């Protein structure tokens, strides 16, 4: 069972170039844009920041697993 995670929404305005670079990094690292931002922000907090990233990566990993399972079911249904 996934851990209960306290989350808040916040918006940040920034340069388009930074936004583009974060998007490209997220694709390269197979993360969502949000996860990439959280990962990079958490790194600035050193050891303390690792606790934020670990929880986020657990959630992201579970989402990827579920999406893979859904895609596999779809392929099986099409083949049937």
PDB file of N, CA and C in Angstrom:
ATOM      1  N   UNK A   1       0.838  -1.171   0.000  1.00  0.00           N
ATOM      2  CA  UNK A   1       0.000   0.000   0.000  1.00  0.00           C
ATOM      3  C   UNK A   1       0.889   1.241   0.000  1.00  0.00           C
ATOM      4  N   UNK A   2       0.552   2.201  -0.839  1.00  0.00           N
ATOM      5  CA  UNK A   2       1.339   3.430  -0.926  1.00  0.00           C
ATOM      6  C   UNK A   2       1.183   4.245   0.350  1.00  0.00           C
ATOM      7  N   UNK A   3       2.221   4.978   0.679  1.00  0.00           N
ATOM      8  CA  UNK A   3       2.194   5.833   1.852  1.00  0.00           C
ATOM      9  C   UNK A   3       1.285   7.032   1.614  1.00  0.00           C
ATOM     10  N   UNK A   4       0.639   7.483   2.670  1.00  0.00           N
ATOM     11  CA  UNK A   4      -0.146   8.715   2.614  1.00  0.00           C
ATOM     12  C   UNK A   4       0.839   9.876   2.472  1.00  0.00           C
ATOM     13  N   UNK A   5       0.627  10.718   1.484  1.00  0.00           N
ATOM     14  CA  UNK A   5       1.553  11.807   1.223  1.00  0.00           C
ATOM     15  C   UNK A   5       0.810  13.127   1.300  1.00  0.00           C
ATOM     16  N   UNK A   6       1.319  14.036   2.117  1.00  0.00           N
ATOM     17  CA  UNK A   6       0.761  15.383   2.162  1.00  0.00           C
ATOM     18  C   UNK A   6       1.282  16.141   0.953  1.00  0.00           C
ATOM     19  N   UNK A   7       0.380  16.708   0.197  1.00  0.00           N
ATOM     20  CA  UNK A   7       0.772  17.459  -0.987  1.00  0.00           C
ATOM     21  C   UNK A   7       0.056  18.797  -0.994  1.00  0.00           C
ATOM     22  N   UNK A   8       0.702  19.773  -1.571  1.00  0.00           N
ATOM     23  CA  UNK A   8       0.099  21.081  -1.790  1.00  0.00           C
ATOM     24  C   UNK A   8       0.363  21.472  -3.238  1.00  0.00           C
ATOM     25  N   UNK A   9      -0.511  22.270  -3.781  1.00  0.00           N
ATOM     26  CA  UNK A   9      -0.308  22.788  -5.130  1.00  0.00           C
ATOM     27  C   UNK A   9       0.320  24.169  -5.030  1.00  0.00           C
ATOM     28  N   UNK A  10       1.316  24.407  -5.851  1.00  0.00           N
ATOM     29  CA  UNK A  10       1.871  25.750  -5.939  1.00  0.00           C
ATOM     30  C   UNK A  10       2.321  25.991  -7.363  1.00  0.00           C
ATOM     31  N   UNK A  11       2.182  27.224  -7.782  1.00  0.00           N
ATOM     32  CA  UNK A  11       2.550  27.601  -9.142  1.00  0.00           C
ATOM     33  C   UNK A  11       3.817  28.433  -9.092  1.00  0.00           C
ATOM     34  N   UNK A  12       4.627  28.251 -10.114  1.00  0.00           N
ATOM     35  CA  UNK A  12       5.878  29.000 -10.204  1.00  0.00           C
ATOM     36  C   UNK A  12       5.975  29.558 -11.615  1.00  0.00           C
ATOM     37  N   UNK A  13       6.297  30.827 -11.718  1.00  0.00           N
ATOM     38  CA  UNK A  13       6.554  31.429 -13.026  1.00  0.00           C
ATOM     39  C   UNK A  13       8.055  31.470 -13.229  1.00  0.00           C
ATOM     40  N   UNK A  14       8.477  31.192 -14.439  1.00  0.00           N
ATOM     41  CA  UNK A  14       9.901  31.212 -14.726  1.00  0.00           C
ATOM     42  C   UNK A  14      10.169  31.354 -16.205  1.00  0.00           C
ATOM     43  N   UNK A  15      11.419  31.384 -16.569  1.00  0.00           N
ATOM     44  CA  UNK A  15      11.808  31.540 -17.970  1.00  0.00           C
ATOM     45  C   UNK A  15      11.403  30.327 -18.813  1.00  0.00           C
ATOM     46  N   UNK A  16      11.010  30.596 -20.069  1.00  0.00           N
ATOM     47  CA  UNK A  16      10.626  29.520 -20.977  1.00  0.00           C
ATOM     48  C   UNK A  16      11.769  28.530 -21.184  1.00  0.00           C
ATOM     49  N   UNK A  17      12.990  29.041 -21.231  1.00  0.00           N
ATOM     50  CA  UNK A  17      14.137  28.166 -21.437  1.00  0.00           C
ATOM     51  C   UNK A  17      14.301  27.153 -20.312  1.00  0.00           C
ATOM     52  N   UNK A  18      14.053  27.584 -19.095  1.00  0.00           N
ATOM     53  CA  UNK A  18      14.134  26.680 -17.954  1.00  0.00           C
ATOM     54  C   UNK A  18      13.032  25.636 -18.025  1.00  0.00           C
ATOM     55  N   UNK A  19      11.833  26.070 -18.388  1.00  0.00           N
ATOM     56  CA  UNK A  19      10.701  25.153 -18.547  1.00  0.00           C
ATOM     57  C   UNK A  19      11.031  24.082 -19.589  1.00  0.00           C
ATOM     58  N   UNK A  20      11.577  24.517 -20.712  1.00  0.00           N
ATOM     59  CA  UNK A  20      11.940  23.587 -21.782  1.00  0.00           C
ATOM     60  C   UNK A  20      13.021  22.607 -21.307  1.00  0.00           C
ATOM     61  N   UNK A  21      14.023  23.121 -20.614  1.00  0.00           N
ATOM     62  CA  UNK A  21      15.103  22.260 -20.118  1.00  0.00           C
ATOM     63  C   UNK A  21      14.577  21.229 -19.120  1.00  0.00           C
ATOM     64  N   UNK A  22      13.659  21.641 -18.252  1.00  0.00           N
ATOM     65  CA  UNK A  22      13.073  20.703 -17.291  1.00  0.00           C
ATOM     66  C   UNK A  22      12.243  19.634 -18.002  1.00  0.00           C
ATOM     67  N   UNK A  23      11.490  20.041 -19.016  1.00  0.00           N
ATOM     68  CA  UNK A  23      10.712  19.065 -19.796  1.00  0.00           C
ATOM     69  C   UNK A  23      11.622  18.041 -20.465  1.00  0.00           C
ATOM     70  N   UNK A  24      12.699  18.513 -21.068  1.00  0.00           N
ATOM     71  CA  UNK A  24      13.640  17.614 -21.735  1.00  0.00           C
ATOM     72  C   UNK A  24      14.303  16.670 -20.729  1.00  0.00           C
ATOM     73  N   UNK A  25      14.667  17.194 -19.573  1.00  0.00           N
ATOM     74  CA  UNK A  25      15.282  16.366 -18.534  1.00  0.00           C
ATOM     75  C   UNK A  25      14.287  15.325 -18.030  1.00  0.00           C
ATOM     76  N   UNK A  26      13.034  15.723 -17.878  1.00  0.00           N
ATOM     77  CA  UNK A  26      12.009  14.787 -17.411  1.00  0.00           C
ATOM     78  C   UNK A  26      11.857  13.635 -18.393  1.00  0.00           C
ATOM     79  N   UNK A  27      11.812  13.930 -19.679  1.00  0.00           N
ATOM     80  CA  UNK A  27      11.719  12.868 -20.692  1.00  0.00           C
ATOM     81  C   UNK A  27      12.931  11.951 -20.634  1.00  0.00           C
ATOM     82  N   UNK A  28      14.103  12.537 -20.582  1.00  0.00           N
ATOM     83  CA  UNK A  28      15.345  11.762 -20.541  1.00  0.00           C
ATOM     84  C   UNK A  28      15.384  10.848 -19.309  1.00  0.00           C
ATOM     85  N   UNK A  29      14.918  11.362 -18.175  1.00  0.00           N
ATOM     86  CA  UNK A  29      14.962  10.601 -16.924  1.00  0.00           C
ATOM     87  C   UNK A  29      13.709   9.760 -16.683  1.00  0.00           C
ATOM     88  N   UNK A  30      12.813   9.746 -17.688  1.00  0.00           N
ATOM     89  CA  UNK A  30      11.559   8.990 -17.598  1.00  0.00           C
ATOM     90  C   UNK A  30      10.766   9.360 -16.352  1.00  0.00           C
ATOM     91  N   UNK A  31      10.639  10.664 -16.148  1.00  0.00           N
ATOM     92  CA  UNK A  31       9.850  11.201 -15.049  1.00  0.00           C
ATOM     93  C   UNK A  31       8.787  12.122 -15.625  1.00  0.00           C
ATOM     94  N   UNK A  32       7.776  12.386 -14.833  1.00  0.00           N
ATOM     95  CA  UNK A  32       6.840  13.437 -15.203  1.00  0.00           C
ATOM     96  C   UNK A  32       7.538  14.774 -14.981  1.00  0.00           C
ATOM     97  N   UNK A  33       6.984  15.812 -15.568  1.00  0.00           N
ATOM     98  CA  UNK A  33       7.544  17.147 -15.359  1.00  0.00           C
ATOM     99  C   UNK A  33       7.552  17.465 -13.867  1.00  0.00           C
ATOM    100  N   UNK A  34       6.433  17.204 -13.205  1.00  0.00           N
ATOM    101  CA  UNK A  34       6.325  17.487 -11.772  1.00  0.00           C
ATOM    102  C   UNK A  34       7.383  16.721 -10.978  1.00  0.00           C
ATOM    103  N   UNK A  35       7.553  15.444 -11.284  1.00  0.00           N
ATOM    104  CA  UNK A  35       8.538  14.636 -10.553  1.00  0.00           C
ATOM    105  C   UNK A  35       9.956  15.144 -10.766  1.00  0.00           C
ATOM    106  N   UNK A  36      10.231  15.622 -11.968  1.00  0.00           N
ATOM    107  CA  UNK A  36      11.558  16.168 -12.262  1.00  0.00           C
ATOM    108  C   UNK A  36      11.814  17.420 -11.419  1.00  0.00           C
ATOM    109  N   UNK A  37      10.818  18.292 -11.342  1.00  0.00           N
ATOM    110  CA  UNK A  37      10.961  19.510 -10.545  1.00  0.00           C
ATOM    111  C   UNK A  37      11.148  19.161  -9.072  1.00  0.00           C
ATOM    112  N   UNK A  38      10.325  18.244  -8.560  1.00  0.00           N
ATOM    113  CA  UNK A  38      10.429  17.830  -7.155  1.00  0.00           C
ATOM    114  C   UNK A  38      11.796  17.222  -6.888  1.00  0.00           C
ATOM    115  N   UNK A  39      12.254  16.364  -7.777  1.00  0.00           N
ATOM    116  CA  UNK A  39      13.557  15.721  -7.615  1.00  0.00           C
ATOM    117  C   UNK A  39      14.668  16.764  -7.518  1.00  0.00           C
ATOM    118  N   UNK A  40      14.642  17.714  -8.440  1.00  0.00           N
ATOM    119  CA  UNK A  40      15.706  18.722  -8.471  1.00  0.00           C
ATOM    120  C   UNK A  40      15.639  19.665  -7.268  1.00  0.00           C
ATOM    121  N   UNK A  41      14.439  20.039  -6.866  1.00  0.00           N
ATOM    122  CA  UNK A  41      14.311  20.873  -5.669  1.00  0.00           C
ATOM    123  C   UNK A  41      14.783  20.123  -4.429  1.00  0.00           C
ATOM    124  N   UNK A  42      14.395  18.867  -4.318  1.00  0.00           N
ATOM    125  CA  UNK A  42      14.775  18.071  -3.151  1.00  0.00           C
ATOM    126  C   UNK A  42      16.290  17.938  -3.043  1.00  0.00           C
ATOM    127  N   UNK A  43      16.979  17.854  -4.187  1.00  0.00           N
ATOM    128  CA  UNK A  43      18.441  17.745  -4.166  1.00  0.00           C
ATOM    129  C   UNK A  43      19.094  18.937  -3.485  1.00  0.00           C
ATOM    130  N   UNK A  44      18.454  20.084  -3.541  1.00  0.00           N
ATOM    131  CA  UNK A  44      19.047  21.273  -2.933  1.00  0.00           C
ATOM    132  C   UNK A  44      19.030  21.208  -1.407  1.00  0.00           C
ATOM    133  N   UNK A  45      18.271  20.265  -0.848  1.00  0.00           N
ATOM    134  CA  UNK A  45      18.194  20.112   0.604  1.00  0.00           C
ATOM    135  C   UNK A  45      19.096  19.000   1.122  1.00  0.00           C
ATOM    136  N   UNK A  46      19.945  18.455   0.271  1.00  0.00           N
ATOM    137  CA  UNK A  46      20.907  17.438   0.698  1.00  0.00           C
ATOM    138  C   UNK A  46      20.238  16.190   1.247  1.00  0.00           C
ATOM    139  N   UNK A  47      20.752  15.678   2.351  1.00  0.00           N
ATOM    140  CA  UNK A  47      20.234  14.448   2.945  1.00  0.00           C
ATOM    141  C   UNK A  47      18.752  14.564   3.301  1.00  0.00           C
ATOM    142  N   UNK A  48      18.362  15.699   3.836  1.00  0.00           N
ATOM    143  CA  UNK A  48      16.961  15.910   4.213  1.00  0.00           C
ATOM    144  C   UNK A  48      16.045  15.783   2.990  1.00  0.00           C
ATOM    145  N   UNK A  49      16.503  16.257   1.850  1.00  0.00           N
ATOM    146  CA  UNK A  49      15.707  16.225   0.631  1.00  0.00           C
ATOM    147  C   UNK A  49      15.447  14.835   0.098  1.00  0.00           C
ATOM    148  N   UNK A  50      16.310  13.875   0.447  1.00  0.00           N
ATOM    149  CA  UNK A  50      16.130  12.506  -0.043  1.00  0.00           C
ATOM    150  C   UNK A  50      14.798  11.913   0.394  1.00  0.00           C
ATOM    151  N   UNK A  51      14.323  12.286   1.564  1.00  0.00           N
ATOM    152  CA  UNK A  51      13.043  11.736   2.029  1.00  0.00           C
ATOM    153  C   UNK A  51      11.892  12.198   1.136  1.00  0.00           C
ATOM    154  N   UNK A  52      11.968  13.408   0.601  1.00  0.00           N
ATOM    155  CA  UNK A  52      10.928  13.889  -0.298  1.00  0.00           C
ATOM    156  C   UNK A  52      10.958  13.126  -1.612  1.00  0.00           C
ATOM    157  N   UNK A  53      12.128  12.926  -2.146  1.00  0.00           N
ATOM    158  CA  UNK A  53      12.284  12.266  -3.436  1.00  0.00           C
ATOM    159  C   UNK A  53      11.905  10.798  -3.351  1.00  0.00           C
ATOM    160  N   UNK A  54      12.300  10.116  -2.310  1.00  0.00           N
ATOM    161  CA  UNK A  54      11.996   8.694  -2.201  1.00  0.00           C
ATOM    162  C   UNK A  54      10.505   8.438  -2.232  1.00  0.00           C
ATOM    163  N   UNK A  55       9.746   9.243  -1.529  1.00  0.00           N
ATOM    164  CA  UNK A  55       8.297   9.071  -1.528  1.00  0.00           C
ATOM    165  C   UNK A  55       7.759   9.336  -2.924  1.00  0.00           C
ATOM    166  N   UNK A  56       8.201  10.414  -3.556  1.00  0.00           N
ATOM    167  CA  UNK A  56       7.717  10.765  -4.878  1.00  0.00           C
ATOM    168  C   UNK A  56       8.069   9.682  -5.891  1.00  0.00           C
ATOM    169  N   UNK A  57       9.271   9.123  -5.818  1.00  0.00           N
ATOM    170  CA  UNK A  57       9.672   8.078  -6.743  1.00  0.00           C
ATOM    171  C   UNK A  57       8.859   6.807  -6.535  1.00  0.00           C
ATOM    172  N   UNK A  58       8.474   6.507  -5.298  1.00  0.00           N
ATOM    173  CA  UNK A  58       7.627   5.346  -5.039  1.00  0.00           C
ATOM    174  C   UNK A  58       6.278   5.511  -5.732  1.00  0.00           C
ATOM    175  N   UNK A  59       5.697   6.683  -5.616  1.00  0.00           N
ATOM    176  CA  UNK A  59       4.405   6.955  -6.242  1.00  0.00           C
ATOM    177  C   UNK A  59       4.541   6.874  -7.760  1.00  0.00           C
ATOM    178  N   UNK A  60       5.567   7.488  -8.300  1.00  0.00           N
ATOM    179  CA  UNK A  60       5.784   7.478  -9.746  1.00  0.00           C
ATOM    180  C   UNK A  60       5.985   6.054 -10.258  1.00  0.00           C
ATOM    181  N   UNK A  61       6.735   5.260  -9.531  1.00  0.00           N
ATOM    182  CA  UNK A  61       6.974   3.870  -9.917  1.00  0.00           C
ATOM    183  C   UNK A  61       5.669   3.086  -9.970  1.00  0.00           C
ATOM    184  N   UNK A  62       4.809   3.306  -8.997  1.00  0.00           N
ATOM    185  CA  UNK A  62       3.522   2.602  -8.963  1.00  0.00           C
ATOM    186  C   UNK A  62       2.647   3.035 -10.131  1.00  0.00           C
ATOM    187  N   UNK A  63       2.649   4.306 -10.454  1.00  0.00           N
ATOM    188  CA  UNK A  63       1.865   4.799 -11.588  1.00  0.00           C
ATOM    189  C   UNK A  63       2.339   4.142 -12.882  1.00  0.00           C
ATOM    190  N   UNK A  64       3.656   4.077 -13.082  1.00  0.00           N
ATOM    191  CA  UNK A  64       4.197   3.434 -14.282  1.00  0.00           C
ATOM    192  C   UNK A  64       3.785   1.968 -14.351  1.00  0.00           C
ATOM    193  N   UNK A  65       3.808   1.289 -13.211  1.00  0.00           N
ATOM    194  CA  UNK A  65       3.420  -0.117 -13.158  1.00  0.00           C
ATOM    195  C   UNK A  65       1.953  -0.285 -13.571  1.00  0.00           C
ATOM    196  N   UNK A  66       1.090   0.550 -13.046  1.00  0.00           N
ATOM    197  CA  UNK A  66      -0.336   0.468 -13.372  1.00  0.00           C
ATOM    198  C   UNK A  66      -0.558   0.755 -14.855  1.00  0.00           C
ATOM    199  N   UNK A  67       0.103   1.773 -15.393  1.00  0.00           N
ATOM    200  CA  UNK A  67      -0.047   2.094 -16.810  1.00  0.00           C
ATOM    201  C   UNK A  67       0.437   0.954 -17.703  1.00  0.00           C
ATOM    202  N   UNK A  68       1.515   0.308 -17.312  1.00  0.00           N
ATOM    203  CA  UNK A  68       2.014  -0.844 -18.064  1.00  0.00           C
ATOM    204  C   UNK A  68       1.000  -1.979 -18.041  1.00  0.00           C
ATOM    205  N   UNK A  69       0.406  -2.223 -16.894  1.00  0.00           N
ATOM    206  CA  UNK A  69      -0.612  -3.269 -16.781  1.00  0.00           C
ATOM    207  C   UNK A  69      -1.834  -2.960 -17.641  1.00  0.00           C
ATOM    208  N   UNK A  70      -2.253  -1.707 -17.661  1.00  0.00           N
ATOM    209  CA  UNK A  70      -3.396  -1.302 -18.479  1.00  0.00           C
ATOM    210  C   UNK A  70      -3.088  -1.499 -19.957  1.00  0.00           C
ATOM    211  N   UNK A  71      -1.899  -1.110 -20.380  1.00  0.00           N
ATOM    212  CA  UNK A  71      -1.507  -1.274 -21.788  1.00  0.00           C
ATOM    213  C   UNK A  71      -1.467  -2.745 -22.169  1.00  0.00           C
ATOM    214  N   UNK A  72      -0.956  -3.592 -21.281  1.00  0.00           N
ATOM    215  CA  UNK A  72      -0.883  -5.026 -21.558  1.00  0.00           C
ATOM    216  C   UNK A  72      -2.293  -5.611 -21.698  1.00  0.00           C
ATOM    217  N   UNK A  73      -3.206  -5.189 -20.839  1.00  0.00           N
ATOM    218  CA  UNK A  73      -4.605  -5.664 -20.927  1.00  0.00           C
ATOM    219  C   UNK A  73      -5.219  -5.262 -22.258  1.00  0.00           C
ATOM    220  N   UNK A  74      -4.968  -4.018 -22.674  1.00  0.00           N
ATOM    221  CA  UNK A  74      -5.495  -3.543 -23.940  1.00  0.00           C
ATOM    222  C   UNK A  74      -4.998  -4.370 -25.117  1.00  0.00           C
ATOM    223  N   UNK A  75      -3.702  -4.716 -25.100  1.00  0.00           N
ATOM    224  CA  UNK A  75      -3.136  -5.528 -26.169  1.00  0.00           C
ATOM    225  C   UNK A  75      -3.748  -6.927 -26.173  1.00  0.00           C
ATOM    226  N   UNK A  76      -3.957  -7.491 -24.990  1.00  0.00           N
ATOM    227  CA  UNK A  76      -4.581  -8.827 -24.915  1.00  0.00           C
ATOM    228  C   UNK A  76      -6.012  -8.807 -25.428  1.00  0.00           C
ATOM    229  N   UNK A  77      -6.744  -7.746 -25.108  1.00  0.00           N
ATOM    230  CA  UNK A  77      -8.121  -7.632 -25.560  1.00  0.00           C
ATOM    231  C   UNK A  77      -8.189  -7.473 -27.076  1.00  0.00           C
ATOM    232  N   UNK A  78      -7.278  -6.713 -27.660  1.00  0.00           N
ATOM    233  CA  UNK A  78      -7.255  -6.548 -29.116  1.00  0.00           C
ATOM    234  C   UNK A  78      -6.905  -7.856 -29.814  1.00  0.00           C
ATOM    235  N   UNK A  79      -6.026  -8.643 -29.202  1.00  0.00           N
ATOM    236  CA  UNK A  79      -5.595  -9.909 -29.788  1.00  0.00           C
ATOM    237  C   UNK A  79      -6.709 -10.961 -29.714  1.00  0.00           C
ATOM    238  N   UNK A  80      -7.610 -10.825 -28.769  1.00  0.00           N
ATOM    239  CA  UNK A  80      -8.667 -11.829 -28.562  1.00  0.00           C
ATOM    240  C   UNK A  80      -9.783 -11.701 -29.569  1.00  0.00           C
TER     241      UNK A  80
END
